[in-house]
């Protein structure tokens, strides 16, 4: 995928039927999938480096969201269950990092 320009483009990419189908294969709950995408976009919009990495590699964001759905963890800074962590370098990517409460729940 080409680098996306805005967070709205990223959200559009995540809610495409192909991306949603991959997430629904893991979780049948449409509301949970939609909430997770919304939370991820909110987290990405609040962190400039995370936004840069997410726009350059949206597939890694989708992979992180699928992992969150598989583990039944919410990506919300206030809950502390899981976080989207950007990694730069040669191949920048966003990865899911379970937080303390997420690990405790698992």
N, C-alpha and C. Protein backbone atom coordinates (compact mmCIF):
# COMPACT_ATOMS: atom_id res chain seq x y z
N UNK A 1 0.83 -1.18 0.00
CA UNK A 1 0.00 0.00 0.00
C UNK A 1 0.87 1.24 0.00
N UNK A 2 0.38 2.28 -0.62
CA UNK A 2 1.08 3.55 -0.61
C UNK A 2 0.89 4.24 0.73
N UNK A 3 1.78 5.19 1.00
CA UNK A 3 1.65 5.94 2.25
C UNK A 3 0.37 6.78 2.21
N UNK A 4 -0.37 6.74 3.29
CA UNK A 4 -1.63 7.48 3.38
C UNK A 4 -1.35 8.88 3.89
N UNK A 5 -2.17 9.82 3.47
CA UNK A 5 -1.93 11.23 3.80
C UNK A 5 -2.48 11.63 5.16
N UNK A 6 -3.68 11.14 5.51
CA UNK A 6 -4.33 11.60 6.74
C UNK A 6 -4.84 10.42 7.56
N UNK A 7 -5.25 10.73 8.78
CA UNK A 7 -5.86 9.73 9.66
C UNK A 7 -7.18 9.26 9.06
N UNK A 8 -7.90 10.17 8.42
CA UNK A 8 -9.17 9.80 7.78
C UNK A 8 -8.92 8.77 6.68
N UNK A 9 -7.83 8.93 5.93
CA UNK A 9 -7.47 7.94 4.91
C UNK A 9 -7.17 6.59 5.55
N UNK A 10 -6.48 6.63 6.69
CA UNK A 10 -6.15 5.40 7.40
C UNK A 10 -7.43 4.71 7.88
N UNK A 11 -8.34 5.49 8.46
CA UNK A 11 -9.60 4.90 8.92
C UNK A 11 -10.38 4.33 7.75
N UNK A 12 -10.37 5.03 6.63
CA UNK A 12 -11.02 4.53 5.43
C UNK A 12 -10.43 3.21 4.97
N UNK A 13 -9.11 3.10 5.08
CA UNK A 13 -8.43 1.85 4.70
C UNK A 13 -8.81 0.71 5.65
N UNK A 14 -8.95 1.03 6.95
CA UNK A 14 -9.27 0.00 7.94
C UNK A 14 -10.72 -0.47 7.86
N UNK A 15 -11.60 0.39 7.36
CA UNK A 15 -13.01 -0.02 7.31
C UNK A 15 -13.41 -0.50 5.92
N UNK A 16 -12.44 -0.69 5.03
CA UNK A 16 -12.73 -1.30 3.73
C UNK A 16 -13.27 -2.71 3.98
N UNK A 17 -14.05 -3.20 3.05
CA UNK A 17 -14.67 -4.50 3.24
C UNK A 17 -13.64 -5.62 3.43
N UNK A 18 -12.51 -5.54 2.74
CA UNK A 18 -11.48 -6.58 2.88
C UNK A 18 -10.86 -6.56 4.28
N UNK A 19 -10.57 -5.36 4.79
CA UNK A 19 -10.00 -5.24 6.14
C UNK A 19 -11.01 -5.67 7.20
N UNK A 20 -12.26 -5.22 7.03
CA UNK A 20 -13.30 -5.61 7.99
C UNK A 20 -13.55 -7.11 7.96
N UNK A 21 -13.47 -7.70 6.78
CA UNK A 21 -13.68 -9.15 6.68
C UNK A 21 -12.60 -9.90 7.46
N UNK A 22 -11.37 -9.42 7.40
CA UNK A 22 -10.29 -10.06 8.14
C UNK A 22 -10.52 -9.93 9.65
N UNK A 23 -11.03 -8.78 10.08
CA UNK A 23 -11.29 -8.58 11.51
C UNK A 23 -12.52 -9.36 11.96
N UNK A 24 -13.53 -9.43 11.09
CA UNK A 24 -14.74 -10.19 11.44
C UNK A 24 -14.48 -11.70 11.48
N UNK A 25 -13.46 -12.15 10.78
CA UNK A 25 -13.11 -13.57 10.83
C UNK A 25 -12.65 -13.95 12.23
N UNK A 26 -12.14 -12.96 12.95
CA UNK A 26 -11.66 -13.19 14.32
C UNK A 26 -12.75 -12.90 15.34
N UNK A 27 -13.57 -11.87 15.06
CA UNK A 27 -14.59 -11.44 16.01
C UNK A 27 -15.88 -11.12 15.25
N UNK A 28 -16.96 -11.79 15.60
CA UNK A 28 -18.24 -11.59 14.94
C UNK A 28 -18.97 -10.33 15.39
N UNK A 29 -18.56 -9.77 16.51
CA UNK A 29 -19.23 -8.61 17.08
C UNK A 29 -18.88 -7.34 16.31
N UNK A 30 -19.81 -6.88 15.48
CA UNK A 30 -19.60 -5.70 14.64
C UNK A 30 -19.30 -4.46 15.48
N UNK A 31 -19.99 -4.30 16.60
CA UNK A 31 -19.77 -3.13 17.46
C UNK A 31 -18.36 -3.12 18.04
N UNK A 32 -17.85 -4.27 18.40
CA UNK A 32 -16.50 -4.37 18.97
C UNK A 32 -15.45 -4.00 17.92
N UNK A 33 -15.65 -4.48 16.70
CA UNK A 33 -14.72 -4.17 15.62
C UNK A 33 -14.72 -2.68 15.34
N UNK A 34 -15.89 -2.09 15.24
CA UNK A 34 -16.01 -0.66 14.97
C UNK A 34 -15.40 0.16 16.11
N UNK A 35 -15.66 -0.24 17.34
CA UNK A 35 -15.11 0.48 18.50
C UNK A 35 -13.58 0.40 18.50
N UNK A 36 -13.05 -0.76 18.16
CA UNK A 36 -11.60 -0.94 18.15
C UNK A 36 -10.95 -0.07 17.08
N UNK A 37 -11.55 0.00 15.90
CA UNK A 37 -11.01 0.84 14.83
C UNK A 37 -11.06 2.31 15.25
N UNK A 38 -12.16 2.71 15.87
CA UNK A 38 -12.29 4.10 16.34
C UNK A 38 -11.25 4.43 17.40
N UNK A 39 -11.06 3.53 18.36
CA UNK A 39 -10.06 3.74 19.41
C UNK A 39 -8.65 3.81 18.83
N UNK A 40 -8.38 2.95 17.86
CA UNK A 40 -7.06 2.95 17.23
C UNK A 40 -6.81 4.27 16.51
N UNK A 41 -7.80 4.75 15.78
CA UNK A 41 -7.66 6.03 15.07
C UNK A 41 -7.47 7.19 16.04
N UNK A 42 -8.16 7.13 17.17
CA UNK A 42 -8.00 8.17 18.20
C UNK A 42 -6.58 8.14 18.76
N UNK A 43 -6.09 6.94 19.08
CA UNK A 43 -4.73 6.81 19.61
C UNK A 43 -3.70 7.28 18.59
N UNK A 44 -3.93 6.95 17.34
CA UNK A 44 -2.99 7.35 16.28
C UNK A 44 -3.01 8.86 16.09
N UNK A 45 -4.17 9.47 16.17
CA UNK A 45 -4.25 10.92 15.96
C UNK A 45 -3.61 11.71 17.10
N UNK A 46 -3.46 11.09 18.25
CA UNK A 46 -2.89 11.78 19.41
C UNK A 46 -1.38 11.67 19.50
N UNK A 47 -0.76 10.86 18.64
CA UNK A 47 0.69 10.64 18.70
C UNK A 47 1.26 10.82 17.30
N UNK A 48 2.08 11.87 17.11
CA UNK A 48 2.59 12.19 15.78
C UNK A 48 3.45 11.08 15.18
N UNK A 49 4.34 10.50 15.99
CA UNK A 49 5.21 9.44 15.45
C UNK A 49 4.39 8.19 15.12
N UNK A 50 3.45 7.85 15.97
CA UNK A 50 2.56 6.72 15.69
C UNK A 50 1.77 6.98 14.41
N UNK A 51 1.30 8.19 14.22
CA UNK A 51 0.55 8.54 13.01
C UNK A 51 1.42 8.40 11.77
N UNK A 52 2.66 8.85 11.86
CA UNK A 52 3.58 8.75 10.71
C UNK A 52 3.82 7.29 10.34
N UNK A 53 4.10 6.47 11.33
CA UNK A 53 4.36 5.05 11.07
C UNK A 53 3.10 4.35 10.57
N UNK A 54 1.96 4.67 11.17
CA UNK A 54 0.70 4.04 10.76
C UNK A 54 0.33 4.39 9.33
N UNK A 55 0.56 5.65 8.94
CA UNK A 55 0.25 6.05 7.57
C UNK A 55 1.19 5.40 6.57
N UNK A 56 2.44 5.16 6.99
CA UNK A 56 3.40 4.54 6.07
C UNK A 56 3.21 3.03 5.97
N UNK A 57 2.62 2.41 6.99
CA UNK A 57 2.41 0.96 6.98
C UNK A 57 1.05 0.62 7.61
N UNK A 58 -0.05 0.88 6.90
CA UNK A 58 -1.37 0.61 7.46
C UNK A 58 -1.66 -0.87 7.67
N UNK A 59 -0.96 -1.74 6.97
CA UNK A 59 -1.16 -3.17 7.16
C UNK A 59 -0.73 -3.59 8.56
N UNK A 60 0.31 -2.95 9.09
CA UNK A 60 0.75 -3.29 10.44
C UNK A 60 -0.30 -2.88 11.47
N UNK A 61 -1.03 -1.80 11.20
CA UNK A 61 -2.11 -1.39 12.11
C UNK A 61 -3.22 -2.43 12.07
N UNK A 62 -3.57 -2.87 10.88
CA UNK A 62 -4.61 -3.90 10.74
C UNK A 62 -4.19 -5.18 11.47
N UNK A 63 -2.95 -5.56 11.34
CA UNK A 63 -2.44 -6.76 12.02
C UNK A 63 -2.53 -6.59 13.53
N UNK A 64 -2.16 -5.41 14.04
CA UNK A 64 -2.24 -5.15 15.48
C UNK A 64 -3.69 -5.21 15.97
N UNK A 65 -4.62 -4.68 15.17
CA UNK A 65 -6.03 -4.73 15.55
C UNK A 65 -6.57 -6.16 15.57
N UNK A 66 -6.14 -6.96 14.62
CA UNK A 66 -6.56 -8.37 14.60
C UNK A 66 -6.02 -9.09 15.83
N UNK A 67 -4.78 -8.80 16.19
CA UNK A 67 -4.21 -9.40 17.40
C UNK A 67 -5.00 -8.98 18.64
N UNK A 68 -5.38 -7.70 18.69
CA UNK A 68 -6.17 -7.21 19.83
C UNK A 68 -7.52 -7.93 19.90
N UNK A 69 -8.14 -8.15 18.75
CA UNK A 69 -9.41 -8.87 18.73
C UNK A 69 -9.23 -10.33 19.16
N UNK A 70 -8.16 -10.95 18.72
CA UNK A 70 -7.89 -12.34 19.11
C UNK A 70 -7.68 -12.47 20.61
N UNK A 71 -7.00 -11.49 21.20
CA UNK A 71 -6.72 -11.52 22.63
C UNK A 71 -7.82 -10.88 23.47
N UNK A 72 -8.81 -10.29 22.80
CA UNK A 72 -9.93 -9.61 23.45
C UNK A 72 -9.42 -8.47 24.35
N UNK A 73 -8.52 -7.66 23.79
CA UNK A 73 -7.97 -6.51 24.50
C UNK A 73 -8.41 -5.24 23.79
N UNK A 74 -8.72 -4.21 24.55
CA UNK A 74 -9.11 -2.93 23.99
C UNK A 74 -7.89 -1.99 23.95
N UNK A 75 -7.79 -1.25 22.85
CA UNK A 75 -6.69 -0.31 22.68
C UNK A 75 -7.19 1.05 23.15
N UNK A 76 -7.01 1.29 24.42
CA UNK A 76 -7.46 2.54 25.00
C UNK A 76 -6.50 2.88 26.12
N UNK A 77 -5.88 4.03 26.05
CA UNK A 77 -4.89 4.42 27.04
C UNK A 77 -5.41 4.44 28.46
N UNK A 78 -6.70 4.71 28.65
CA UNK A 78 -7.23 4.79 30.01
C UNK A 78 -7.44 3.42 30.63
N UNK A 79 -7.76 2.43 29.82
CA UNK A 79 -7.96 1.08 30.36
C UNK A 79 -6.65 0.37 30.65
N UNK A 80 -5.62 0.67 29.88
CA UNK A 80 -4.32 0.06 30.10
C UNK A 80 -4.25 -1.40 29.68
N UNK A 81 -5.19 -1.84 28.82
CA UNK A 81 -5.16 -3.23 28.38
C UNK A 81 -4.15 -3.46 27.26
N UNK A 82 -4.09 -2.54 26.30
CA UNK A 82 -3.16 -2.70 25.18
C UNK A 82 -2.88 -1.34 24.56
N UNK A 83 -1.74 -1.26 23.91
CA UNK A 83 -1.30 -0.03 23.27
C UNK A 83 -0.80 -0.33 21.88
N UNK A 84 -0.91 0.66 20.98
CA UNK A 84 -0.28 0.59 19.68
C UNK A 84 1.07 1.26 19.80
N UNK A 85 2.13 0.51 19.52
CA UNK A 85 3.48 1.03 19.69
C UNK A 85 4.14 1.12 18.32
N UNK A 86 4.63 2.32 17.95
CA UNK A 86 5.30 2.47 16.66
C UNK A 86 6.78 2.10 16.77
N UNK A 87 7.26 1.41 15.76
CA UNK A 87 8.68 1.09 15.67
C UNK A 87 9.18 1.65 14.34
N UNK A 88 10.22 2.46 14.39
CA UNK A 88 10.78 3.07 13.19
C UNK A 88 11.89 2.21 12.64
N UNK A 89 12.76 2.82 11.88
CA UNK A 89 13.89 2.10 11.31
C UNK A 89 13.68 1.78 9.84
N UNK A 90 14.35 0.72 9.39
CA UNK A 90 14.29 0.32 7.99
C UNK A 90 12.88 0.00 7.52
N UNK A 91 12.15 -0.74 8.34
CA UNK A 91 10.77 -1.09 7.98
C UNK A 91 9.85 -0.71 9.14
N UNK A 92 9.37 0.54 9.15
CA UNK A 92 8.52 0.99 10.25
C UNK A 92 7.22 0.19 10.33
N UNK A 93 6.80 -0.09 11.54
CA UNK A 93 5.57 -0.86 11.75
C UNK A 93 4.96 -0.49 13.09
N UNK A 94 3.67 -0.75 13.19
CA UNK A 94 2.92 -0.57 14.43
C UNK A 94 2.66 -1.95 14.99
N UNK A 95 2.95 -2.13 16.28
CA UNK A 95 2.72 -3.42 16.92
C UNK A 95 1.84 -3.26 18.14
N UNK A 96 1.12 -4.31 18.47
CA UNK A 96 0.29 -4.34 19.67
C UNK A 96 1.17 -4.67 20.86
N UNK A 97 1.04 -3.87 21.89
CA UNK A 97 1.78 -4.13 23.14
C UNK A 97 0.78 -4.24 24.27
N UNK A 98 0.58 -5.43 24.84
CA UNK A 98 -0.35 -5.55 25.97
C UNK A 98 0.17 -4.75 27.16
N UNK A 99 -0.73 -4.08 27.84
CA UNK A 99 -0.38 -3.34 29.04
C UNK A 99 -0.49 -4.25 30.26
N UNK A 100 -0.24 -3.69 31.42
CA UNK A 100 -0.28 -4.47 32.66
C UNK A 100 -1.64 -5.13 32.86
N UNK A 101 -2.71 -4.34 32.72
CA UNK A 101 -4.05 -4.91 32.94
C UNK A 101 -4.41 -5.94 31.87
N UNK A 102 -3.91 -5.73 30.66
CA UNK A 102 -4.14 -6.71 29.60
C UNK A 102 -3.45 -8.03 29.91
N UNK A 103 -2.20 -7.95 30.37
CA UNK A 103 -1.48 -9.17 30.76
C UNK A 103 -2.16 -9.86 31.93
N UNK A 104 -2.64 -9.06 32.86
CA UNK A 104 -3.32 -9.63 34.03
C UNK A 104 -4.60 -10.36 33.59
N UNK A 105 -5.31 -9.76 32.62
CA UNK A 105 -6.53 -10.38 32.11
C UNK A 105 -6.26 -11.67 31.34
N UNK A 106 -5.14 -11.70 30.62
CA UNK A 106 -4.81 -12.88 29.85
C UNK A 106 -4.45 -14.03 30.77
